[in-house]
Amino acid sequence: MSKKPSFNQLIGQASEPVLVDFYADWCGPCKAMAPELQKVASELGDRLKVIKINVDRHQQLAQQYRVQSIPALLLFKGGQVVWRTAGAMSASQLKAQLGKFV
């Protein structure tokens, strides 16, 4: 049985950029964002990895990256945050924002 990789391993060892969605189950805009993120993940699949982090379960990570409102999207390259935004947006808006990084 293999151990799940840590957050730092996921963002630091990935060859492609990693988009992290900080969300909560009770958050309406987060729920609206989920299908948009799925579209982006399927369209940019091999050039981008998407992971979701529940802020209620991972409060320390949310604090570490200064997540103050959700949904919050942070893009990591080589373990470093290279782009961030908060609030819901469409898949096309998100792809336009990520275009210069992926």
N, C-alpha and C. Protein backbone atom coordinates (compact mmCIF):
# COMPACT_ATOMS: atom_id res chain seq x y z
N MET A 1 0.84 -1.17 0.00
CA MET A 1 0.00 0.00 0.00
C MET A 1 0.89 1.24 0.00
N SER A 2 0.73 2.09 -1.00
CA SER A 2 1.59 3.27 -1.10
C SER A 2 1.00 4.43 -0.32
N LYS A 3 1.88 5.23 0.23
CA LYS A 3 1.47 6.40 1.00
C LYS A 3 1.07 7.52 0.05
N LYS A 4 0.01 8.25 0.40
CA LYS A 4 -0.40 9.38 -0.42
C LYS A 4 0.68 10.45 -0.38
N PRO A 5 0.97 11.06 -1.53
CA PRO A 5 1.98 12.12 -1.52
C PRO A 5 1.49 13.33 -0.73
N SER A 6 2.43 14.02 -0.10
CA SER A 6 2.08 15.23 0.65
C SER A 6 1.78 16.36 -0.33
N PHE A 7 1.17 17.43 0.18
CA PHE A 7 0.88 18.59 -0.64
C PHE A 7 2.17 19.13 -1.25
N ASN A 8 3.22 19.24 -0.44
CA ASN A 8 4.50 19.77 -0.94
C ASN A 8 5.09 18.89 -2.04
N GLN A 9 4.91 17.58 -1.92
CA GLN A 9 5.38 16.68 -2.97
C GLN A 9 4.56 16.89 -4.25
N LEU A 10 3.25 17.05 -4.10
CA LEU A 10 2.39 17.24 -5.27
C LEU A 10 2.76 18.50 -6.04
N ILE A 11 3.01 19.61 -5.32
CA ILE A 11 3.28 20.86 -6.01
C ILE A 11 4.75 21.01 -6.39
N GLY A 12 5.64 20.37 -5.67
CA GLY A 12 7.06 20.55 -5.91
C GLY A 12 7.67 19.59 -6.90
N GLN A 13 7.08 18.39 -7.03
CA GLN A 13 7.69 17.38 -7.89
C GLN A 13 6.97 17.20 -9.22
N ALA A 14 5.90 17.94 -9.42
CA ALA A 14 5.16 17.81 -10.68
C ALA A 14 5.95 18.47 -11.81
N SER A 15 5.98 17.81 -12.95
CA SER A 15 6.68 18.39 -14.10
C SER A 15 5.85 19.49 -14.75
N GLU A 16 4.53 19.41 -14.59
CA GLU A 16 3.65 20.42 -15.15
C GLU A 16 3.18 21.36 -14.04
N PRO A 17 2.66 22.54 -14.38
CA PRO A 17 2.10 23.43 -13.36
C PRO A 17 0.94 22.74 -12.64
N VAL A 18 0.74 23.10 -11.37
CA VAL A 18 -0.32 22.52 -10.56
C VAL A 18 -1.28 23.63 -10.14
N LEU A 19 -2.54 23.50 -10.53
CA LEU A 19 -3.58 24.45 -10.14
C LEU A 19 -4.28 23.89 -8.91
N VAL A 20 -4.24 24.65 -7.82
CA VAL A 20 -4.85 24.21 -6.57
C VAL A 20 -6.12 25.02 -6.32
N ASP A 21 -7.21 24.31 -6.15
CA ASP A 21 -8.50 24.92 -5.85
C ASP A 21 -8.76 24.77 -4.36
N PHE A 22 -8.68 25.88 -3.62
CA PHE A 22 -9.04 25.88 -2.21
C PHE A 22 -10.54 26.14 -2.14
N TYR A 23 -11.29 25.21 -1.55
CA TYR A 23 -12.75 25.26 -1.57
C TYR A 23 -13.31 24.77 -0.23
N ALA A 24 -14.62 24.87 -0.09
CA ALA A 24 -15.34 24.27 1.05
C ALA A 24 -16.65 23.70 0.52
N ASP A 25 -17.11 22.63 1.15
CA ASP A 25 -18.33 21.96 0.71
C ASP A 25 -19.56 22.87 0.82
N TRP A 26 -19.56 23.78 1.78
CA TRP A 26 -20.71 24.66 2.02
C TRP A 26 -20.71 25.91 1.14
N CYS A 27 -19.70 26.10 0.33
CA CYS A 27 -19.50 27.34 -0.44
C CYS A 27 -20.19 27.24 -1.81
N GLY A 28 -21.21 28.08 -2.03
CA GLY A 28 -21.95 28.08 -3.30
C GLY A 28 -21.08 28.37 -4.51
N PRO A 29 -20.27 29.46 -4.50
CA PRO A 29 -19.40 29.72 -5.64
C PRO A 29 -18.39 28.59 -5.90
N CYS A 30 -17.98 27.91 -4.84
CA CYS A 30 -17.06 26.77 -5.00
C CYS A 30 -17.74 25.65 -5.78
N LYS A 31 -19.02 25.41 -5.46
CA LYS A 31 -19.78 24.38 -6.17
C LYS A 31 -19.95 24.75 -7.63
N ALA A 32 -20.19 26.04 -7.89
CA ALA A 32 -20.33 26.51 -9.27
C ALA A 32 -19.02 26.37 -10.04
N MET A 33 -17.91 26.48 -9.34
CA MET A 33 -16.58 26.43 -9.96
C MET A 33 -16.18 25.00 -10.33
N ALA A 34 -16.70 24.01 -9.63
CA ALA A 34 -16.27 22.61 -9.83
C ALA A 34 -16.39 22.15 -11.28
N PRO A 35 -17.55 22.32 -11.96
CA PRO A 35 -17.62 21.85 -13.36
C PRO A 35 -16.72 22.67 -14.29
N GLU A 36 -16.50 23.93 -13.97
CA GLU A 36 -15.61 24.76 -14.79
C GLU A 36 -14.18 24.26 -14.67
N LEU A 37 -13.78 23.90 -13.46
CA LEU A 37 -12.43 23.34 -13.25
C LEU A 37 -12.28 22.01 -13.98
N GLN A 38 -13.35 21.21 -13.97
CA GLN A 38 -13.29 19.92 -14.68
C GLN A 38 -13.08 20.13 -16.17
N LYS A 39 -13.76 21.14 -16.73
CA LYS A 39 -13.58 21.45 -18.16
C LYS A 39 -12.12 21.83 -18.44
N VAL A 40 -11.57 22.70 -17.60
CA VAL A 40 -10.19 23.16 -17.79
C VAL A 40 -9.24 21.98 -17.65
N ALA A 41 -9.46 21.14 -16.65
CA ALA A 41 -8.59 19.98 -16.44
C ALA A 41 -8.64 19.04 -17.63
N SER A 42 -9.83 18.82 -18.20
CA SER A 42 -9.91 17.91 -19.34
C SER A 42 -9.31 18.51 -20.60
N GLU A 43 -9.44 19.84 -20.76
CA GLU A 43 -8.89 20.48 -21.95
C GLU A 43 -7.39 20.69 -21.88
N LEU A 44 -6.86 20.91 -20.68
CA LEU A 44 -5.42 21.14 -20.52
C LEU A 44 -4.74 19.96 -19.84
N GLY A 45 -5.42 18.83 -19.80
CA GLY A 45 -5.00 17.66 -19.05
C GLY A 45 -3.53 17.35 -18.96
N ASP A 46 -2.81 17.27 -20.08
CA ASP A 46 -1.41 16.87 -20.02
C ASP A 46 -0.48 18.06 -19.72
N ARG A 47 -1.01 19.28 -19.76
CA ARG A 47 -0.17 20.45 -19.50
C ARG A 47 -0.39 21.05 -18.12
N LEU A 48 -1.37 20.50 -17.38
CA LEU A 48 -1.76 21.08 -16.10
C LEU A 48 -2.33 20.00 -15.20
N LYS A 49 -1.95 20.05 -13.93
CA LYS A 49 -2.54 19.15 -12.94
C LYS A 49 -3.45 19.99 -12.05
N VAL A 50 -4.65 19.50 -11.75
CA VAL A 50 -5.59 20.22 -10.90
C VAL A 50 -5.83 19.41 -9.64
N ILE A 51 -5.66 20.04 -8.48
CA ILE A 51 -5.99 19.37 -7.22
C ILE A 51 -6.90 20.28 -6.40
N LYS A 52 -7.73 19.66 -5.58
CA LYS A 52 -8.68 20.40 -4.75
C LYS A 52 -8.29 20.22 -3.29
N ILE A 53 -8.31 21.32 -2.54
CA ILE A 53 -7.98 21.30 -1.12
C ILE A 53 -9.16 21.88 -0.35
N ASN A 54 -9.75 21.08 0.53
CA ASN A 54 -10.87 21.52 1.36
C ASN A 54 -10.30 22.34 2.52
N VAL A 55 -10.67 23.63 2.59
CA VAL A 55 -10.11 24.52 3.61
C VAL A 55 -10.56 24.14 5.02
N ASP A 56 -11.70 23.48 5.15
CA ASP A 56 -12.15 23.06 6.48
C ASP A 56 -11.29 21.91 7.01
N ARG A 57 -10.85 21.05 6.13
CA ARG A 57 -10.02 19.90 6.53
C ARG A 57 -8.53 20.25 6.56
N HIS A 58 -8.14 21.27 5.81
CA HIS A 58 -6.71 21.61 5.71
C HIS A 58 -6.51 23.10 6.02
N GLN A 59 -6.93 23.49 7.22
CA GLN A 59 -6.87 24.89 7.62
C GLN A 59 -5.44 25.43 7.63
N GLN A 60 -4.49 24.59 8.01
CA GLN A 60 -3.10 25.04 8.09
C GLN A 60 -2.56 25.41 6.70
N LEU A 61 -2.91 24.61 5.69
CA LEU A 61 -2.48 24.93 4.32
C LEU A 61 -3.12 26.23 3.84
N ALA A 62 -4.41 26.39 4.13
CA ALA A 62 -5.10 27.61 3.73
C ALA A 62 -4.44 28.83 4.39
N GLN A 63 -4.08 28.71 5.65
CA GLN A 63 -3.40 29.82 6.34
C GLN A 63 -2.01 30.05 5.75
N GLN A 64 -1.29 28.98 5.48
CA GLN A 64 0.07 29.08 4.95
C GLN A 64 0.09 29.86 3.64
N TYR A 65 -0.93 29.67 2.81
CA TYR A 65 -0.98 30.35 1.51
C TYR A 65 -1.92 31.56 1.53
N ARG A 66 -2.27 32.01 2.73
CA ARG A 66 -3.06 33.23 2.94
C ARG A 66 -4.36 33.23 2.12
N VAL A 67 -5.06 32.12 2.17
CA VAL A 67 -6.36 32.03 1.51
C VAL A 67 -7.37 32.71 2.41
N GLN A 68 -7.92 33.84 1.95
CA GLN A 68 -8.86 34.61 2.77
C GLN A 68 -10.28 34.54 2.26
N SER A 69 -10.47 34.19 0.99
CA SER A 69 -11.81 33.98 0.47
C SER A 69 -11.77 32.81 -0.50
N ILE A 70 -12.89 32.13 -0.63
CA ILE A 70 -12.94 30.96 -1.49
C ILE A 70 -14.09 31.11 -2.48
N PRO A 71 -14.01 30.47 -3.63
CA PRO A 71 -12.89 29.64 -4.05
C PRO A 71 -11.65 30.47 -4.32
N ALA A 72 -10.52 29.91 -3.96
CA ALA A 72 -9.23 30.54 -4.26
C ALA A 72 -8.45 29.57 -5.14
N LEU A 73 -7.91 30.09 -6.21
CA LEU A 73 -7.12 29.27 -7.14
C LEU A 73 -5.69 29.77 -7.10
N LEU A 74 -4.77 28.85 -6.86
CA LEU A 74 -3.34 29.17 -6.85
C LEU A 74 -2.66 28.27 -7.86
N LEU A 75 -1.82 28.84 -8.69
CA LEU A 75 -1.07 28.05 -9.66
C LEU A 75 0.38 27.96 -9.20
N PHE A 76 0.86 26.74 -9.08
CA PHE A 76 2.23 26.49 -8.63
C PHE A 76 3.07 26.00 -9.80
N LYS A 77 4.29 26.49 -9.88
CA LYS A 77 5.29 25.97 -10.82
C LYS A 77 6.56 25.78 -10.02
N GLY A 78 7.08 24.57 -10.03
CA GLY A 78 8.29 24.29 -9.27
C GLY A 78 8.13 24.57 -7.78
N GLY A 79 6.93 24.36 -7.26
CA GLY A 79 6.70 24.55 -5.84
C GLY A 79 6.40 25.98 -5.42
N GLN A 80 6.44 26.91 -6.36
CA GLN A 80 6.21 28.33 -6.05
C GLN A 80 4.89 28.81 -6.65
N VAL A 81 4.21 29.71 -5.93
CA VAL A 81 2.98 30.31 -6.44
C VAL A 81 3.36 31.31 -7.53
N VAL A 82 2.82 31.12 -8.74
CA VAL A 82 3.11 32.04 -9.84
C VAL A 82 1.88 32.85 -10.25
N TRP A 83 0.71 32.44 -9.74
CA TRP A 83 -0.53 33.15 -10.07
C TRP A 83 -1.57 32.77 -9.04
N ARG A 84 -2.45 33.71 -8.71
CA ARG A 84 -3.54 33.41 -7.79
C ARG A 84 -4.73 34.31 -8.06
N THR A 85 -5.91 33.81 -7.72
CA THR A 85 -7.13 34.60 -7.84
C THR A 85 -8.14 34.03 -6.85
N ALA A 86 -9.17 34.81 -6.59
CA ALA A 86 -10.26 34.34 -5.73
C ALA A 86 -11.57 34.64 -6.43
N GLY A 87 -12.54 33.79 -6.21
CA GLY A 87 -13.85 33.97 -6.81
C GLY A 87 -14.07 33.03 -7.97
N ALA A 88 -15.33 32.84 -8.31
CA ALA A 88 -15.70 31.92 -9.39
C ALA A 88 -15.52 32.59 -10.74
N MET A 89 -15.20 31.80 -11.74
CA MET A 89 -15.10 32.27 -13.12
C MET A 89 -15.40 31.12 -14.06
N SER A 90 -15.65 31.45 -15.31
CA SER A 90 -15.96 30.41 -16.29
C SER A 90 -14.68 29.70 -16.72
N ALA A 91 -14.85 28.54 -17.34
CA ALA A 91 -13.70 27.78 -17.84
C ALA A 91 -12.91 28.61 -18.86
N SER A 92 -13.61 29.33 -19.73
CA SER A 92 -12.91 30.13 -20.75
C SER A 92 -12.12 31.27 -20.11
N GLN A 93 -12.70 31.90 -19.07
CA GLN A 93 -11.96 32.97 -18.37
C GLN A 93 -10.72 32.38 -17.69
N LEU A 94 -10.88 31.24 -17.06
CA LEU A 94 -9.77 30.60 -16.36
C LEU A 94 -8.67 30.20 -17.33
N LYS A 95 -9.06 29.61 -18.46
CA LYS A 95 -8.05 29.22 -19.46
C LYS A 95 -7.30 30.44 -19.98
N ALA A 96 -8.00 31.56 -20.17
CA ALA A 96 -7.34 32.78 -20.64
C ALA A 96 -6.33 33.26 -19.60
N GLN A 97 -6.69 33.18 -18.33
CA GLN A 97 -5.78 33.60 -17.25
C GLN A 97 -4.55 32.68 -17.17
N LEU A 98 -4.78 31.38 -17.36
CA LEU A 98 -3.69 30.41 -17.23
C LEU A 98 -2.82 30.32 -18.48
N GLY A 99 -3.29 30.90 -19.58
CA GLY A 99 -2.61 30.76 -20.86
C GLY A 99 -1.14 31.08 -20.85
N LYS A 100 -0.75 32.09 -20.09
CA LYS A 100 0.67 32.48 -20.11
C LYS A 100 1.55 31.56 -19.27
N PHE A 101 0.92 30.63 -18.52
CA PHE A 101 1.69 29.74 -17.64
C PHE A 101 1.72 28.30 -18.13
N VAL A 102 0.74 27.91 -18.95
CA VAL A 102 0.69 26.50 -19.39
C VAL A 102 0.79 26.39 -20.89
